[in-house]
Amino acid sequence: MNRIIRKKTLLIVLGVLVALAVVIPVIVLAVSKAFTAQESVVRTDWQIEAGDVLGDFSTLGVQYADAELGEGLRALRLIPDDVENEGFTFYDTAMQQRLADALDILQGSMQWTATAPLAVLDPFGTGSNGLYLYFETDLATKVSYTVHVQDEDIPDFTADAADASGVTYTKQHEFQLIGLVPGMTNEVTLTITGSWGNARQIVRFSVDMPEPTSGYDTRLEVTDGESDAEQAQGLFAMMRVNGHLGYGFFYDDAGVLRYEMVLEGFGLDRLLFTDDGDIVTCVSSSKLARINNLGQVEQVYPLDGYELHHDIGFGADGEVLALAEHAEGETVEDLVLSIDIDTGEVTEILDFSALMESYFDLTRPVQPTDEFFWQAGEWDWIHLNSLLYLEKDDSLIVSSRETSTIIKVSGLHGEPAVQWLAGDDRVWAGTEYEALCLEPVGDFVPQYGQHCVEYYADGDADGVYYLSLYNNNYWAMSSRDAFELEVAGTVGTDLYGDGSESSQMYIYRIDENAGTFELTDSFDVPYSSIVSNASLCGDNWVANSGVSMVFGEYDAEGVLIRQYKYECTMQNYRTFKYDMTGFWFD
C-alpha cells in the first residue's frame, strides 16, 4: 500500500514538474511581452485641466478657458473641441495649425503689454509647464527672466528668452517661458533690456503651477562629488524613463524639474537641433516630429510599418537616420531608416540581416531561459543601439549590444559593406567577418554590451579619429546556441551585478590605416548592464547608468561633480545635457 502511495505521489510530482516546464516559459513570455509592449503604447488621455470657459473660436473648434494659475497672472488654456475623441493627438499638424490660428486671433484681440501679456499655459499640448507669453514694447528690446520659489533648497532659475522670431531685439515678443516648477508658486521677474544694455522695464508676477502631468518627481536626490569644477550650462534631459513613458523630463543642476515634455508615447532617444532653430525627436515608437521653440509641432514623420529602436541622428543633407525594426517583422532592432525632414519620405536604407546574412544565419530567437528573457520570442540577433553618420566617406558607425561590437559600414547611400568591427574578436571567430576585426593596441579589456558610441575628435591623419562610448562592461549573448565566452573577472555577467562591478566611459583611437583600435582614456561610472550613455557636454561628461538609476556630471578628468538619483521601473534609457541655446534660450 505504501509503495502504491509513493508511486502515485511520484507521478503527481512528475506531473506538476512537467506542467511547470510547459507553463513557466509561457508565463515568462507573457510577462516579457507585457513589459516590452509598453514602449509602443500610444497616449489616449489628453485631458486638459482648466477653469471656466471664457470663449471659443467655433470655426477652429477651439475654446479658451481660465488656466487657474492663481491671482498673480491672468493666463489661458486652449482646449480643442475634439480633445476627448478617440484617436485625438496633439501630434497632428492640422491640430497644431488650429491652435496656432487661435493664438493669432488672441494676439490681435487687444494691445498686450509686458504688465498685461497674453499668457497661455502649454498652448500646443507638448509641454505641461511651458508658459507662452506674447506682448509688445515701444522700442526693440530683449527679455530675460528669473523664476523664484519659496524653498531655500531650490535656487533661482535665470535665462534669456529666445524669441520665436529668431531676433534678439524686437518690439513684438513671443516666447515660451521655461523653468516654472510644477506644484509650486513661482515668482517670475521679467527684465526688458534695450539694445544699449539698459533695463527699460522690470515686471513681476506669480504663477501657481499645477503638478506634473506624469506624476513624476519634481526634485531628484542630489549628491555632490569630489570635483569642484563648474557644471556645464544646460538642462539634463531624461529620456525614456520606464514607468513614465510618453514624457521627457528636463532637470537643472539642482535636480529640479524645469520642463515636462508631453509625447504621444515611447520617449526621446535624443534631440536633434536643426539649423533654423527647431528640434527633431521621437514622439512615439512609430513617429518623429519637428517642434519649434514655442512647443508647436511643425511637421510629423509617421513611420508606417516600423518601430523605433534606439537612436536617431542626422545623416546626409536633409536626412535623419533612425534605428528601427519592422513592426510585425521576424527580427528586431536591425534596420536603419532614412527620413527626409522636408518631405517626410521614409526609406529603409539598410537591413543588417541582409547585409550580414552569413552571421545572421548562425543566430536564433531569444528564449525564456536566456539572459535577455524579457525579449523571449524576439529574434534580437544584433541589437543596434546607437548610430553615427560620417559624411566625409558616407559611412555609418553603429553599436551592436548583442555582439558587444562597434561596426562601421561604408558606402551607406551606395553599396553598403562592413568595413571594420571593434570589440572582442572571439565573437567573430570562424565567420567571414573575422578578418575585418580591428586589432587592439595595448593591454585593455574591450567593451561589452556598449551603448551610445559618439564621435569624439579627429586624429592626426586621414582615417584616424576618436570615438567615445558607454562601456556597460556586461557580457551576455542570447542569440547563439552553444556559444560561450570566458571574459575577464572585471566584466559583469549578472544583470544587476553583485556590487563589485562598474561600467566605464571609454575613448577609443581608431586607426583605419593600421587596422587597430586603442583605449586612450576611461573612467568608472556606476554599473549598468543595459541601456545608458556617457556623452560629452562642454568640457564635462554626463553619464547615465540606467539600471543603477543614477546619472552624474563628471569633469574632464572623470571626477564626479554631482550625481542625481531617480526612480523608475527597472531603467531609464539615456540622460543627455543640452544647453538649449538658440531654442528656448537666447
Foldseek 3Di string as FASTA:
>chain_A
DVVVVVVVVVVVVVVVVVVCVVVVLVVLQVVLCVQVVQQFDFDLQLDQDFDAFDAADVVLQKTKGFRPFDDFAGAIEIDHNCNNPGPDDLLDQSNLVSLVVVVVCVPPPDAAAPQHWHWYQPSSSFWRGKIKTKHFDPWFWWKKKWKDFPDPLDDIDIFTFQALVNDGTDGIGIAIDWADFAQTKIKMWMFIADPVGDGPDIYITITRHHHDPQNFDQAFDKDFFDDPDDDFFFWKWFWFFAVRWQWIFTADPSRGTTIITGARGRIWLDWDADPQFWTWTDRGQFKIFIAALRRRTNDIQGNPQKGFAHEWDDAPPQWIKTFIDGPPDQATRFWIWIARNVPSDIDGQDGVCVQQVQQLVQWDAFGCPFQVNSRHSHQHQFHWHYWDADHVQRKIWTQTQQLRKIWIWGPSVHDTHTQAIEAPLVSCPPHPRSVRYFAEDDDDHGAHSKHDKDFDAADPDPQKGKIKTKRLLEHGHRIHPPDDDDGDPQRHDHQLDDPRHWIKIWMWIGRSVNRHIYTDDMDTDHHGNHAKIWDDRPQWIWTDRFQQQKIFIAGNNRTTRMMTHGDGDRTGHYMDTDNSPSGGGD
